[in-house]
Amino acid sequence: MSNLKYKMIIQWSEEDNCFLVGFPDFPGQEWRTHGETYQLAVANGIEALESLIIAYEATGDTLPEPTVCNAE
């Protein structure tokens, strides 16, 4: 999928004993998925992001603008 240009936050949660994955560019998606390992959190995050994009496109909603970092 070519439009995976969105910020993905991965943060350890002591309470949940796993890595939480969120997408701050998407409203209401502070914590969307998780993983027991960092690698699993990344894989689950990519899958969740793809699903989010498909859901937006299926309902005709406009995708939010991705946060872009300009390295100098």
Protein backbone atom coordinates (compact mmCIF):
# COMPACT_ATOMS: atom_id res chain seq x y z
CA MET A 1 0.00 0.00 0.00
CA SER A 2 1.57 3.26 -1.11
CA ASN A 3 -0.06 5.67 1.34
CA LEU A 4 1.37 4.35 4.62
CA LYS A 5 2.92 7.73 5.41
CA TYR A 6 1.25 8.13 8.78
CA LYS A 7 2.91 8.46 12.16
CA MET A 8 2.77 5.26 14.20
CA ILE A 9 3.48 5.55 17.93
CA ILE A 10 4.71 2.45 19.75
CA GLN A 11 4.93 2.66 23.51
CA TRP A 12 5.42 0.09 26.26
CA SER A 13 2.55 -0.23 28.73
CA GLU A 14 3.39 -1.65 32.17
CA GLU A 15 -0.34 -1.91 32.91
CA ASP A 16 -1.05 -4.00 29.79
CA ASN A 17 2.37 -5.70 29.73
CA CYS A 18 2.73 -5.12 25.99
CA PHE A 19 3.61 -2.50 23.38
CA LEU A 20 0.64 -0.30 22.43
CA VAL A 21 0.35 1.09 18.90
CA GLY A 22 -1.46 4.30 18.03
CA PHE A 23 -2.02 6.60 15.08
CA PRO A 24 -2.23 10.22 16.24
CA ASP A 25 -3.10 11.52 12.75
CA PHE A 26 -6.40 9.60 12.91
CA PRO A 27 -8.99 10.98 15.36
CA GLY A 28 -9.89 8.52 18.11
CA GLN A 29 -7.01 6.17 17.33
CA GLU A 30 -4.69 6.90 20.24
CA TRP A 31 -4.21 3.16 20.88
CA ARG A 32 -5.41 0.98 18.00
CA THR A 33 -3.53 -2.30 18.46
CA HIS A 34 -0.71 -3.90 20.45
CA GLY A 35 2.02 -6.54 20.43
CA GLU A 36 3.84 -8.63 23.01
CA THR A 37 7.15 -7.72 21.30
CA TYR A 38 8.21 -4.56 19.51
CA GLN A 39 8.44 -6.45 16.22
CA LEU A 40 4.91 -7.83 16.64
CA ALA A 41 3.64 -4.36 17.52
CA VAL A 42 5.14 -3.00 14.28
CA ALA A 43 3.57 -5.80 12.21
CA ASN A 44 0.20 -5.36 13.91
CA GLY A 45 0.48 -1.60 13.49
CA ILE A 46 1.04 -1.88 9.75
CA GLU A 47 -1.96 -4.20 9.46
CA ALA A 48 -4.12 -1.86 11.56
CA LEU A 49 -3.07 1.16 9.51
CA GLU A 50 -3.91 -0.62 6.27
CA SER A 51 -7.33 -1.51 7.72
CA LEU A 52 -7.92 2.09 8.81
CA ILE A 53 -7.13 3.40 5.33
CA ILE A 54 -9.38 0.79 3.69
CA ALA A 55 -12.22 1.70 6.09
CA TYR A 56 -11.87 5.42 5.32
CA GLU A 57 -11.84 4.75 1.58
CA ALA A 58 -14.84 2.35 1.81
CA THR A 59 -16.97 4.97 3.56
CA GLY A 60 -15.80 7.79 1.31
CA ASP A 61 -14.23 9.67 4.21
CA THR A 62 -11.27 11.89 3.44
CA LEU A 63 -8.03 10.56 4.89
CA PRO A 64 -6.39 12.88 7.40
CA GLU A 65 -3.23 14.66 6.38
CA PRO A 66 -0.18 12.75 7.60
CA THR A 67 2.25 14.49 9.92
CA VAL A 68 5.39 15.12 7.88
CA CYS A 69 8.89 15.61 9.20
CA ASN A 70 11.24 17.63 7.01
CA ALA A 71 14.84 16.65 7.76
CA GLU A 72 17.32 19.38 7.00
